[in-house]
């Protein structure tokens, strides 16, 4: 639902369409030059697409509105998927091994185990007289 709401809110003003044309057009020109340097046969098509995008963005940017909507929709969907992939990898490659090491070594960093037959997680505080200054610098 949240992704669909973001897709509906894609801004397609004249400036945004022009910005899209320039960014994607320049990227196409850079990739076309790279393909030309690598002697790929399709480099003229990529260069032409970049040139057409830049010219259309300069002259009639609103003509690119449907293409900009599709492009930004794909970008939002790709971002939605990749954020979940990256966060899952981070969890399974960083946090899970740390948790397994702590579990195998018997560490309890949150101090959640019952000790000495106690039936509560509460810790008794020392009966120190609390002063006003004790609350000023807590950390």
C-alpha atoms as a PDB file:
ATOM      1  CA  UNK A   1       0.000   0.000   0.000  1.00  0.00           C
ATOM      2  CA  UNK A   2       2.755   2.405   0.915  1.00  0.00           C
ATOM      3  CA  UNK A   3       4.560   1.723  -2.351  1.00  0.00           C
ATOM      4  CA  UNK A   4       1.398   2.381  -4.376  1.00  0.00           C
ATOM      5  CA  UNK A   5       0.897   5.636  -2.519  1.00  0.00           C
ATOM      6  CA  UNK A   6       4.456   6.705  -3.332  1.00  0.00           C
ATOM      7  CA  UNK A   7       3.922   5.807  -7.005  1.00  0.00           C
ATOM      8  CA  UNK A   8       0.791   7.968  -7.101  1.00  0.00           C
ATOM      9  CA  UNK A   9       2.749  10.877  -5.640  1.00  0.00           C
ATOM     10  CA  UNK A  10       5.449  10.899  -8.326  1.00  0.00           C
ATOM     11  CA  UNK A  11       5.919  14.495  -9.383  1.00  0.00           C
ATOM     12  CA  UNK A  12       5.935  15.019 -13.154  1.00  0.00           C
ATOM     13  CA  UNK A  13       6.270  18.752 -13.521  1.00  0.00           C
ATOM     14  CA  UNK A  14       8.063  20.368 -16.432  1.00  0.00           C
ATOM     15  CA  UNK A  15      11.205  20.776 -14.333  1.00  0.00           C
ATOM     16  CA  UNK A  16      11.146  17.162 -13.162  1.00  0.00           C
ATOM     17  CA  UNK A  17      10.706  15.873 -16.727  1.00  0.00           C
ATOM     18  CA  UNK A  18      13.575  18.091 -17.889  1.00  0.00           C
ATOM     19  CA  UNK A  19      15.759  16.863 -15.019  1.00  0.00           C
ATOM     20  CA  UNK A  20      14.884  13.256 -15.899  1.00  0.00           C
ATOM     21  CA  UNK A  21      15.785  13.832 -19.554  1.00  0.00           C
ATOM     22  CA  UNK A  22      19.136  15.401 -18.710  1.00  0.00           C
ATOM     23  CA  UNK A  23      20.170  12.813 -16.135  1.00  0.00           C
ATOM     24  CA  UNK A  24      19.156   9.765 -18.159  1.00  0.00           C
ATOM     25  CA  UNK A  25      20.381  11.340 -21.410  1.00  0.00           C
ATOM     26  CA  UNK A  26      23.828  12.089 -19.989  1.00  0.00           C
ATOM     27  CA  UNK A  27      23.996   8.592 -18.502  1.00  0.00           C
ATOM     28  CA  UNK A  28      23.157   7.144 -21.929  1.00  0.00           C
ATOM     29  CA  UNK A  29      25.865   9.274 -23.534  1.00  0.00           C
ATOM     30  CA  UNK A  30      28.423   8.110 -20.970  1.00  0.00           C
ATOM     31  CA  UNK A  31      27.446   4.470 -21.435  1.00  0.00           C
ATOM     32  CA  UNK A  32      27.427   4.923 -25.217  1.00  0.00           C
ATOM     33  CA  UNK A  33      30.963   6.303 -25.087  1.00  0.00           C
ATOM     34  CA  UNK A  34      32.012   3.401 -22.882  1.00  0.00           C
ATOM     35  CA  UNK A  35      30.438   0.920 -25.313  1.00  0.00           C
ATOM     36  CA  UNK A  36      32.165   2.670 -28.234  1.00  0.00           C
ATOM     37  CA  UNK A  37      35.486   2.434 -26.392  1.00  0.00           C
ATOM     38  CA  UNK A  38      34.840  -1.274 -25.705  1.00  0.00           C
ATOM     39  CA  UNK A  39      33.935  -1.711 -29.426  1.00  0.00           C
ATOM     40  CA  UNK A  40      30.380  -2.925 -28.869  1.00  0.00           C
ATOM     41  CA  UNK A  41      28.130  -2.931 -31.918  1.00  0.00           C
ATOM     42  CA  UNK A  42      25.134  -1.290 -30.235  1.00  0.00           C
ATOM     43  CA  UNK A  43      26.843   1.906 -29.080  1.00  0.00           C
ATOM     44  CA  UNK A  44      25.163   4.119 -31.744  1.00  0.00           C
ATOM     45  CA  UNK A  45      21.718   3.208 -30.388  1.00  0.00           C
ATOM     46  CA  UNK A  46      22.662   4.163 -26.830  1.00  0.00           C
ATOM     47  CA  UNK A  47      24.276   7.414 -27.985  1.00  0.00           C
ATOM     48  CA  UNK A  48      21.213   8.237 -30.088  1.00  0.00           C
ATOM     49  CA  UNK A  49      18.861   7.575 -27.163  1.00  0.00           C
ATOM     50  CA  UNK A  50      20.923   9.876 -24.970  1.00  0.00           C
ATOM     51  CA  UNK A  51      20.958  12.609 -27.588  1.00  0.00           C
ATOM     52  CA  UNK A  52      17.212  12.347 -28.219  1.00  0.00           C
ATOM     53  CA  UNK A  53      16.460  12.511 -24.482  1.00  0.00           C
ATOM     54  CA  UNK A  54      18.603  15.610 -24.007  1.00  0.00           C
ATOM     55  CA  UNK A  55      17.097  17.380 -27.033  1.00  0.00           C
ATOM     56  CA  UNK A  56      13.518  16.510 -25.998  1.00  0.00           C
ATOM     57  CA  UNK A  57      14.230  17.592 -22.436  1.00  0.00           C
ATOM     58  CA  UNK A  58      15.524  20.904 -23.684  1.00  0.00           C
ATOM     59  CA  UNK A  59      12.725  21.581 -26.185  1.00  0.00           C
ATOM     60  CA  UNK A  60       9.522  19.778 -25.095  1.00  0.00           C
ATOM     61  CA  UNK A  61      10.060  18.126 -21.685  1.00  0.00           C
ATOM     62  CA  UNK A  62       6.355  17.370 -21.102  1.00  0.00           C
ATOM     63  CA  UNK A  63       6.494  14.951 -24.035  1.00  0.00           C
ATOM     64  CA  UNK A  64       8.617  12.744 -21.766  1.00  0.00           C
ATOM     65  CA  UNK A  65       6.061  12.670 -18.925  1.00  0.00           C
ATOM     66  CA  UNK A  66       4.855   9.063 -19.534  1.00  0.00           C
ATOM     67  CA  UNK A  67       8.423   7.798 -19.848  1.00  0.00           C
ATOM     68  CA  UNK A  68       9.408   9.662 -16.678  1.00  0.00           C
ATOM     69  CA  UNK A  69       6.444   8.146 -14.791  1.00  0.00           C
ATOM     70  CA  UNK A  70       7.407   4.626 -15.889  1.00  0.00           C
ATOM     71  CA  UNK A  71      11.085   5.223 -15.074  1.00  0.00           C
ATOM     72  CA  UNK A  72      10.366   6.596 -11.598  1.00  0.00           C
ATOM     73  CA  UNK A  73       7.876   3.782 -10.900  1.00  0.00           C
ATOM     74  CA  UNK A  74      10.546   1.223 -11.769  1.00  0.00           C
ATOM     75  CA  UNK A  75      13.045   3.098  -9.588  1.00  0.00           C
ATOM     76  CA  UNK A  76      10.651   3.065  -6.615  1.00  0.00           C
ATOM     77  CA  UNK A  77       9.914  -0.647  -7.023  1.00  0.00           C
ATOM     78  CA  UNK A  78      13.606  -1.463  -7.367  1.00  0.00           C
ATOM     79  CA  UNK A  79      14.371   0.590  -4.261  1.00  0.00           C
ATOM     80  CA  UNK A  80      11.618  -1.169  -2.327  1.00  0.00           C
ATOM     81  CA  UNK A  81      12.978  -4.610  -3.252  1.00  0.00           C
ATOM     82  CA  UNK A  82      16.650  -3.764  -2.804  1.00  0.00           C
ATOM     83  CA  UNK A  83      16.180  -2.191   0.614  1.00  0.00           C
ATOM     84  CA  UNK A  84      14.651  -5.432   1.839  1.00  0.00           C
ATOM     85  CA  UNK A  85      17.396  -7.516   0.222  1.00  0.00           C
ATOM     86  CA  UNK A  86      20.169  -5.379   1.714  1.00  0.00           C
ATOM     87  CA  UNK A  87      18.595  -5.317   5.175  1.00  0.00           C
ATOM     88  CA  UNK A  88      18.066  -9.097   5.072  1.00  0.00           C
ATOM     89  CA  UNK A  89      21.692  -9.657   4.065  1.00  0.00           C
ATOM     90  CA  UNK A  90      22.850  -7.329   6.824  1.00  0.00           C
ATOM     91  CA  UNK A  91      20.761  -9.229   9.343  1.00  0.00           C
ATOM     92  CA  UNK A  92      21.886 -12.698   8.286  1.00  0.00           C
ATOM     93  CA  UNK A  93      25.544 -11.845   7.652  1.00  0.00           C
ATOM     94  CA  UNK A  94      26.203  -9.525  10.601  1.00  0.00           C
ATOM     95  CA  UNK A  95      23.645  -9.800  13.380  1.00  0.00           C
ATOM     96  CA  UNK A  96      22.919 -13.541  13.234  1.00  0.00           C
ATOM     97  CA  UNK A  97      26.586 -14.610  13.613  1.00  0.00           C
ATOM     98  CA  UNK A  98      27.003 -12.248  16.567  1.00  0.00           C
ATOM     99  CA  UNK A  99      23.891 -13.699  18.211  1.00  0.00           C
ATOM    100  CA  UNK A 100      25.090 -17.259  17.619  1.00  0.00           C
ATOM    101  CA  UNK A 101      28.522 -16.497  19.098  1.00  0.00           C
ATOM    102  CA  UNK A 102      26.927 -14.919  22.153  1.00  0.00           C
ATOM    103  CA  UNK A 103      24.559 -17.855  22.564  1.00  0.00           C
ATOM    104  CA  UNK A 104      27.361 -20.450  22.260  1.00  0.00           C
ATOM    105  CA  UNK A 105      29.541 -18.582  24.768  1.00  0.00           C
ATOM    106  CA  UNK A 106      26.641 -18.225  27.187  1.00  0.00           C
ATOM    107  CA  UNK A 107      26.652 -14.430  27.238  1.00  0.00           C
ATOM    108  CA  UNK A 108      23.452 -12.668  28.267  1.00  0.00           C
ATOM    109  CA  UNK A 109      23.972  -9.018  27.406  1.00  0.00           C
ATOM    110  CA  UNK A 110      20.443  -8.018  28.395  1.00  0.00           C
ATOM    111  CA  UNK A 111      20.618  -9.903  31.684  1.00  0.00           C
ATOM    112  CA  UNK A 112      17.346 -11.747  31.141  1.00  0.00           C
ATOM    113  CA  UNK A 113      18.208 -15.042  32.860  1.00  0.00           C
ATOM    114  CA  UNK A 114      16.987 -15.860  36.354  1.00  0.00           C
ATOM    115  CA  UNK A 115      19.896 -16.208  38.762  1.00  0.00           C
ATOM    116  CA  UNK A 116      20.235 -17.652  42.268  1.00  0.00           C
ATOM    117  CA  UNK A 117      16.650 -18.824  42.464  1.00  0.00           C
ATOM    118  CA  UNK A 118      15.217 -15.338  42.074  1.00  0.00           C
ATOM    119  CA  UNK A 119      11.828 -15.094  40.444  1.00  0.00           C
ATOM    120  CA  UNK A 120      12.051 -11.511  39.169  1.00  0.00           C
ATOM    121  CA  UNK A 121      14.062  -9.460  36.731  1.00  0.00           C
ATOM    122  CA  UNK A 122      14.063  -6.451  39.058  1.00  0.00           C
ATOM    123  CA  UNK A 123      17.383  -5.265  40.414  1.00  0.00           C
ATOM    124  CA  UNK A 124      17.513  -3.837  43.899  1.00  0.00           C
ATOM    125  CA  UNK A 125      18.975  -0.366  43.987  1.00  0.00           C
ATOM    126  CA  UNK A 126      21.208   0.764  46.740  1.00  0.00           C
ATOM    127  CA  UNK A 127      19.502   2.996  49.236  1.00  0.00           C
ATOM    128  CA  UNK A 128      21.462   6.094  48.313  1.00  0.00           C
ATOM    129  CA  UNK A 129      19.959   9.477  48.886  1.00  0.00           C
ATOM    130  CA  UNK A 130      19.111  10.867  45.475  1.00  0.00           C
ATOM    131  CA  UNK A 131      20.269  14.408  44.941  1.00  0.00           C
ATOM    132  CA  UNK A 132      19.025  16.884  42.344  1.00  0.00           C
ATOM    133  CA  UNK A 133      22.467  16.936  40.700  1.00  0.00           C
ATOM    134  CA  UNK A 134      22.258  13.190  40.021  1.00  0.00           C
ATOM    135  CA  UNK A 135      19.664  13.832  37.304  1.00  0.00           C
ATOM    136  CA  UNK A 136      21.507  16.598  35.463  1.00  0.00           C
ATOM    137  CA  UNK A 137      24.213  14.507  33.756  1.00  0.00           C
ATOM    138  CA  UNK A 138      22.652  11.120  33.294  1.00  0.00           C
ATOM    139  CA  UNK A 139      25.132   9.837  30.746  1.00  0.00           C
END
